[in-house]
Amino acid sequence: MARIKGGMNAKKKHNRVLKLAKGYRGARSKQYRVAKQSVMRALTSSYAGRKERKRQFRQLWIARINAAARINGLSYSKFMYGLKLAGVEMNRKMLSDMAINDAEGFATLAELAKSKLA
């Protein structure tokens, strides 16, 4: 039985990593060992970044809702609690969009929340 060497597979693996490292500076895009480390770190950071982005958007939506609620005489927590008592199940993304684009509609929601709190 003839011996099969692993050159093809190694070359394919190296090229896959080097393709991901395209655009990196210096040895990071040329040498396999350095590129592999950079790509591993970049992939880890991009995974963490996708999770972080979700947190940042929620933070932004809450800040917008809070600002609009205060214009209507409520704090964010009282506004959200009033909506919960009223049985309004809207997510923060929609409420934030409403606060920006539909001030009258948001004001009616705020009045509804106020009435449920009192």
N, C-alpha and C. Protein backbone atom coordinates (compact mmCIF):
# COMPACT_ATOMS: atom_id res chain seq x y z
N MET A 1 0.85 -1.19 0.00
CA MET A 1 0.00 0.00 0.00
C MET A 1 0.88 1.24 0.00
N ALA A 2 0.57 2.16 -0.88
CA ALA A 2 1.37 3.38 -0.99
C ALA A 2 1.03 4.34 0.14
N ARG A 3 2.03 5.12 0.54
CA ARG A 3 1.84 6.09 1.62
C ARG A 3 1.18 7.34 1.05
N ILE A 4 0.22 7.87 1.80
CA ILE A 4 -0.43 9.12 1.38
C ILE A 4 0.03 10.23 2.32
N LYS A 5 0.58 11.26 1.74
CA LYS A 5 1.05 12.39 2.53
C LYS A 5 -0.07 13.42 2.66
N GLY A 6 0.02 14.25 3.69
CA GLY A 6 -1.07 15.18 4.00
C GLY A 6 -0.90 16.57 3.42
N GLY A 7 -0.06 16.70 2.39
CA GLY A 7 0.24 18.02 1.85
C GLY A 7 -0.97 18.77 1.31
N MET A 8 -1.84 18.05 0.60
CA MET A 8 -3.02 18.70 0.00
C MET A 8 -3.92 19.29 1.08
N ASN A 9 -4.17 18.47 2.12
CA ASN A 9 -5.07 18.91 3.19
C ASN A 9 -4.48 20.08 3.96
N ALA A 10 -3.17 20.01 4.23
CA ALA A 10 -2.51 21.09 4.96
C ALA A 10 -2.57 22.39 4.16
N LYS A 11 -2.31 22.28 2.86
CA LYS A 11 -2.34 23.46 1.99
C LYS A 11 -3.74 24.08 1.98
N LYS A 12 -4.75 23.22 1.92
CA LYS A 12 -6.14 23.69 1.89
C LYS A 12 -6.48 24.42 3.19
N LYS A 13 -6.04 23.83 4.31
CA LYS A 13 -6.30 24.43 5.63
C LYS A 13 -5.60 25.78 5.75
N HIS A 14 -4.34 25.82 5.30
CA HIS A 14 -3.57 27.06 5.37
C HIS A 14 -4.23 28.14 4.51
N ASN A 15 -4.64 27.77 3.32
CA ASN A 15 -5.24 28.75 2.42
C ASN A 15 -6.57 29.29 2.97
N ARG A 16 -7.31 28.42 3.65
CA ARG A 16 -8.58 28.85 4.24
C ARG A 16 -8.33 29.93 5.30
N VAL A 17 -7.32 29.71 6.14
CA VAL A 17 -6.99 30.67 7.20
C VAL A 17 -6.43 31.95 6.59
N LEU A 18 -5.55 31.82 5.59
CA LEU A 18 -4.95 33.00 4.97
C LEU A 18 -5.99 33.84 4.23
N LYS A 19 -7.02 33.17 3.70
CA LYS A 19 -8.08 33.91 3.03
C LYS A 19 -8.86 34.74 4.05
N LEU A 20 -9.10 34.18 5.24
CA LEU A 20 -9.78 34.93 6.30
C LEU A 20 -8.93 36.10 6.80
N ALA A 21 -7.59 35.95 6.71
CA ALA A 21 -6.68 36.99 7.20
C ALA A 21 -6.36 38.03 6.15
N LYS A 22 -7.01 37.96 5.00
CA LYS A 22 -6.75 38.92 3.92
C LYS A 22 -7.06 40.33 4.41
N GLY A 23 -6.16 41.25 4.15
CA GLY A 23 -6.36 42.62 4.58
C GLY A 23 -5.67 42.96 5.88
N TYR A 24 -5.19 41.96 6.62
CA TYR A 24 -4.45 42.22 7.84
C TYR A 24 -3.07 42.74 7.46
N ARG A 25 -2.43 43.49 8.37
CA ARG A 25 -1.13 44.09 8.08
C ARG A 25 0.02 43.10 8.26
N GLY A 26 1.00 43.21 7.38
CA GLY A 26 2.27 42.49 7.53
C GLY A 26 2.13 40.98 7.57
N ALA A 27 2.85 40.36 8.52
CA ALA A 27 2.92 38.91 8.61
C ALA A 27 1.55 38.30 8.93
N ARG A 28 0.67 39.09 9.51
CA ARG A 28 -0.66 38.58 9.88
C ARG A 28 -1.45 38.09 8.68
N SER A 29 -1.12 38.59 7.50
CA SER A 29 -1.84 38.14 6.31
C SER A 29 -0.98 37.24 5.42
N LYS A 30 0.30 37.03 5.79
CA LYS A 30 1.21 36.27 4.93
C LYS A 30 1.61 34.92 5.53
N GLN A 31 1.93 34.93 6.84
CA GLN A 31 2.45 33.72 7.48
C GLN A 31 1.33 32.97 8.18
N TYR A 32 1.28 31.68 7.95
CA TYR A 32 0.16 30.87 8.46
C TYR A 32 0.06 30.94 9.99
N ARG A 33 1.18 30.77 10.70
CA ARG A 33 1.13 30.68 12.16
C ARG A 33 0.60 31.98 12.76
N VAL A 34 1.08 33.11 12.28
CA VAL A 34 0.66 34.42 12.79
C VAL A 34 -0.78 34.70 12.37
N ALA A 35 -1.10 34.35 11.13
CA ALA A 35 -2.44 34.57 10.60
C ALA A 35 -3.47 33.77 11.39
N LYS A 36 -3.12 32.55 11.74
CA LYS A 36 -4.04 31.68 12.48
C LYS A 36 -4.39 32.30 13.82
N GLN A 37 -3.40 32.84 14.52
CA GLN A 37 -3.64 33.48 15.81
C GLN A 37 -4.55 34.70 15.65
N SER A 38 -4.26 35.50 14.62
CA SER A 38 -5.05 36.71 14.39
C SER A 38 -6.49 36.39 14.02
N VAL A 39 -6.67 35.37 13.19
CA VAL A 39 -8.01 34.98 12.76
C VAL A 39 -8.80 34.42 13.95
N MET A 40 -8.15 33.61 14.78
CA MET A 40 -8.84 33.06 15.96
C MET A 40 -9.31 34.18 16.87
N ARG A 41 -8.45 35.16 17.09
CA ARG A 41 -8.81 36.28 17.96
C ARG A 41 -9.92 37.11 17.33
N ALA A 42 -9.84 37.32 16.02
CA ALA A 42 -10.84 38.12 15.33
C ALA A 42 -12.21 37.44 15.37
N LEU A 43 -12.23 36.13 15.18
CA LEU A 43 -13.50 35.41 15.21
C LEU A 43 -14.12 35.43 16.61
N THR A 44 -13.27 35.32 17.63
CA THR A 44 -13.75 35.40 19.01
C THR A 44 -14.35 36.78 19.29
N SER A 45 -13.63 37.82 18.82
CA SER A 45 -14.10 39.19 19.04
C SER A 45 -15.39 39.47 18.28
N SER A 46 -15.51 38.91 17.07
CA SER A 46 -16.72 39.17 16.29
C SER A 46 -17.93 38.49 16.93
N TYR A 47 -17.72 37.31 17.53
CA TYR A 47 -18.80 36.62 18.23
C TYR A 47 -19.25 37.47 19.42
N ALA A 48 -18.28 37.95 20.20
CA ALA A 48 -18.60 38.78 21.36
C ALA A 48 -19.26 40.08 20.92
N GLY A 49 -18.80 40.63 19.78
CA GLY A 49 -19.36 41.87 19.26
C GLY A 49 -20.82 41.75 18.87
N ARG A 50 -21.19 40.59 18.34
CA ARG A 50 -22.60 40.37 17.97
C ARG A 50 -23.48 40.36 19.21
N LYS A 51 -22.98 39.81 20.32
CA LYS A 51 -23.74 39.82 21.57
C LYS A 51 -23.80 41.24 22.14
N GLU A 52 -22.68 41.95 22.07
CA GLU A 52 -22.59 43.32 22.60
C GLU A 52 -23.54 44.26 21.87
N ARG A 53 -23.66 44.06 20.55
CA ARG A 53 -24.53 44.93 19.74
C ARG A 53 -25.97 44.85 20.21
N LYS A 54 -26.42 43.65 20.60
CA LYS A 54 -27.79 43.48 21.09
C LYS A 54 -28.00 44.26 22.38
N ARG A 55 -26.98 44.24 23.26
CA ARG A 55 -27.07 45.00 24.51
C ARG A 55 -27.13 46.49 24.25
N GLN A 56 -26.29 46.95 23.30
CA GLN A 56 -26.24 48.38 23.01
C GLN A 56 -27.55 48.89 22.42
N PHE A 57 -28.17 48.09 21.55
CA PHE A 57 -29.45 48.51 20.97
C PHE A 57 -30.53 48.58 22.04
N ARG A 58 -30.57 47.60 22.93
CA ARG A 58 -31.57 47.64 24.00
C ARG A 58 -31.37 48.87 24.86
N GLN A 59 -30.12 49.20 25.15
CA GLN A 59 -29.79 50.39 25.93
C GLN A 59 -30.29 51.66 25.23
N LEU A 60 -30.07 51.73 23.92
CA LEU A 60 -30.51 52.87 23.13
C LEU A 60 -32.03 53.01 23.15
N TRP A 61 -32.73 51.88 22.96
CA TRP A 61 -34.19 51.90 22.94
C TRP A 61 -34.73 52.38 24.29
N ILE A 62 -34.12 51.91 25.38
CA ILE A 62 -34.58 52.30 26.72
C ILE A 62 -34.35 53.79 26.93
N ALA A 63 -33.22 54.32 26.47
CA ALA A 63 -32.94 55.75 26.62
C ALA A 63 -33.96 56.59 25.86
N ARG A 64 -34.33 56.15 24.65
CA ARG A 64 -35.32 56.88 23.85
C ARG A 64 -36.70 56.83 24.50
N ILE A 65 -37.08 55.66 24.99
CA ILE A 65 -38.39 55.52 25.63
C ILE A 65 -38.44 56.38 26.89
N ASN A 66 -37.36 56.38 27.65
CA ASN A 66 -37.28 57.18 28.88
C ASN A 66 -37.45 58.66 28.57
N ALA A 67 -36.76 59.13 27.53
CA ALA A 67 -36.85 60.56 27.17
C ALA A 67 -38.28 60.92 26.77
N ALA A 68 -38.91 60.07 25.97
CA ALA A 68 -40.28 60.34 25.52
C ALA A 68 -41.27 60.22 26.68
N ALA A 69 -41.04 59.28 27.58
CA ALA A 69 -41.94 59.11 28.72
C ALA A 69 -41.86 60.32 29.65
N ARG A 70 -40.65 60.84 29.84
CA ARG A 70 -40.48 62.01 30.72
C ARG A 70 -41.15 63.25 30.12
N ILE A 71 -41.17 63.35 28.80
CA ILE A 71 -41.89 64.46 28.16
C ILE A 71 -43.38 64.36 28.50
N ASN A 72 -43.86 63.12 28.64
CA ASN A 72 -45.28 62.89 28.96
C ASN A 72 -45.53 62.74 30.47
N GLY A 73 -44.53 63.09 31.28
CA GLY A 73 -44.74 63.16 32.73
C GLY A 73 -44.60 61.84 33.47
N LEU A 74 -43.88 60.89 32.92
CA LEU A 74 -43.64 59.61 33.58
C LEU A 74 -42.17 59.25 33.51
N SER A 75 -41.72 58.45 34.49
CA SER A 75 -40.38 57.89 34.37
C SER A 75 -40.48 56.63 33.52
N TYR A 76 -39.34 56.12 33.09
CA TYR A 76 -39.32 54.92 32.26
C TYR A 76 -39.94 53.74 32.99
N SER A 77 -39.55 53.54 34.24
CA SER A 77 -40.03 52.36 34.98
C SER A 77 -41.53 52.43 35.21
N LYS A 78 -42.06 53.62 35.55
CA LYS A 78 -43.51 53.77 35.76
C LYS A 78 -44.27 53.59 34.45
N PHE A 79 -43.68 54.10 33.38
CA PHE A 79 -44.32 53.94 32.06
C PHE A 79 -44.43 52.47 31.69
N MET A 80 -43.33 51.73 31.84
CA MET A 80 -43.33 50.31 31.48
C MET A 80 -44.26 49.50 32.40
N TYR A 81 -44.27 49.85 33.68
CA TYR A 81 -45.16 49.14 34.62
C TYR A 81 -46.62 49.44 34.29
N GLY A 82 -46.92 50.69 33.94
CA GLY A 82 -48.29 51.06 33.55
C GLY A 82 -48.74 50.30 32.31
N LEU A 83 -47.83 50.16 31.34
CA LEU A 83 -48.17 49.40 30.13
C LEU A 83 -48.42 47.93 30.47
N LYS A 84 -47.64 47.40 31.40
CA LYS A 84 -47.82 46.00 31.80
C LYS A 84 -49.18 45.81 32.46
N LEU A 85 -49.56 46.75 33.33
CA LEU A 85 -50.86 46.67 33.99
C LEU A 85 -52.00 46.80 32.98
N ALA A 86 -51.76 47.62 31.93
CA ALA A 86 -52.78 47.83 30.91
C ALA A 86 -52.87 46.66 29.93
N GLY A 87 -51.89 45.77 30.00
CA GLY A 87 -51.90 44.61 29.11
C GLY A 87 -51.36 44.91 27.72
N VAL A 88 -50.59 45.99 27.61
CA VAL A 88 -49.97 46.33 26.32
C VAL A 88 -48.66 45.57 26.21
N GLU A 89 -48.55 44.70 25.23
CA GLU A 89 -47.34 43.91 25.06
C GLU A 89 -46.60 44.36 23.80
N MET A 90 -45.89 45.46 23.93
CA MET A 90 -45.05 45.97 22.83
C MET A 90 -43.61 45.88 23.27
N ASN A 91 -42.74 45.48 22.34
CA ASN A 91 -41.33 45.40 22.71
C ASN A 91 -40.69 46.79 22.68
N ARG A 92 -39.52 46.88 23.25
CA ARG A 92 -38.86 48.17 23.40
C ARG A 92 -38.46 48.77 22.05
N LYS A 93 -38.16 47.92 21.09
CA LYS A 93 -37.80 48.42 19.76
C LYS A 93 -38.97 49.18 19.15
N MET A 94 -40.16 48.60 19.25
CA MET A 94 -41.36 49.24 18.68
C MET A 94 -41.72 50.51 19.44
N LEU A 95 -41.61 50.45 20.77
CA LEU A 95 -41.90 51.63 21.58
C LEU A 95 -40.94 52.76 21.26
N SER A 96 -39.67 52.42 21.06
CA SER A 96 -38.66 53.43 20.71
C SER A 96 -38.97 54.06 19.36
N ASP A 97 -39.32 53.23 18.40
CA ASP A 97 -39.68 53.73 17.07
C ASP A 97 -40.90 54.62 17.14
N MET A 98 -41.86 54.22 17.97
CA MET A 98 -43.08 55.00 18.15
C MET A 98 -42.76 56.35 18.80
N ALA A 99 -41.84 56.36 19.76
CA ALA A 99 -41.46 57.59 20.44
C ALA A 99 -40.85 58.60 19.47
N ILE A 100 -40.13 58.09 18.46
CA ILE A 100 -39.48 58.98 17.50
C ILE A 100 -40.44 59.43 16.40
N ASN A 101 -41.16 58.47 15.82
CA ASN A 101 -41.94 58.74 14.61
C ASN A 101 -43.42 59.03 14.84
N ASP A 102 -43.95 58.64 16.01
CA ASP A 102 -45.38 58.81 16.26
C ASP A 102 -45.58 59.33 17.68
N ALA A 103 -45.30 60.60 17.89
CA ALA A 103 -45.35 61.19 19.23
C ALA A 103 -46.77 61.15 19.80
N GLU A 104 -47.79 61.36 18.94
CA GLU A 104 -49.18 61.36 19.43
C GLU A 104 -49.57 59.97 19.93
N GLY A 105 -49.20 58.96 19.16
CA GLY A 105 -49.49 57.58 19.56
C GLY A 105 -48.80 57.22 20.86
N PHE A 106 -47.56 57.68 21.01
CA PHE A 106 -46.82 57.41 22.24
C PHE A 106 -47.47 58.13 23.41
N ALA A 107 -47.97 59.35 23.17
CA ALA A 107 -48.64 60.11 24.22
C ALA A 107 -49.90 59.39 24.70
N THR A 108 -50.64 58.78 23.76
CA THR A 108 -51.83 58.03 24.17
C THR A 108 -51.46 56.81 25.01
N LEU A 109 -50.36 56.16 24.66
CA LEU A 109 -49.87 55.04 25.48
C LEU A 109 -49.47 55.52 26.87
N ALA A 110 -48.83 56.69 26.93
CA ALA A 110 -48.42 57.26 28.23
C ALA A 110 -49.64 57.57 29.07
N GLU A 111 -50.69 58.12 28.46
CA GLU A 111 -51.92 58.41 29.20
C GLU A 111 -52.56 57.13 29.72
N LEU A 112 -52.54 56.09 28.89
CA LEU A 112 -53.06 54.79 29.29
C LEU A 112 -52.29 54.23 30.48
N ALA A 113 -50.96 54.37 30.42
CA ALA A 113 -50.11 53.89 31.53
C ALA A 113 -50.39 54.69 32.79
N LYS A 114 -50.57 56.01 32.65
CA LYS A 114 -50.86 56.87 33.81
C LYS A 114 -52.18 56.47 34.45
N SER A 115 -53.18 56.22 33.62
CA SER A 115 -54.51 55.87 34.14
C SER A 115 -54.48 54.54 34.91
N LYS A 116 -53.64 53.60 34.47
CA LYS A 116 -53.55 52.31 35.14
C LYS A 116 -52.79 52.42 36.45
N LEU A 117 -51.87 53.39 36.53
CA LEU A 117 -51.09 53.57 37.76
C LEU A 117 -51.91 54.24 38.85
N ALA A 118 -52.81 55.12 38.45
CA ALA A 118 -53.59 55.89 39.44
C ALA A 118 -54.76 55.12 40.01
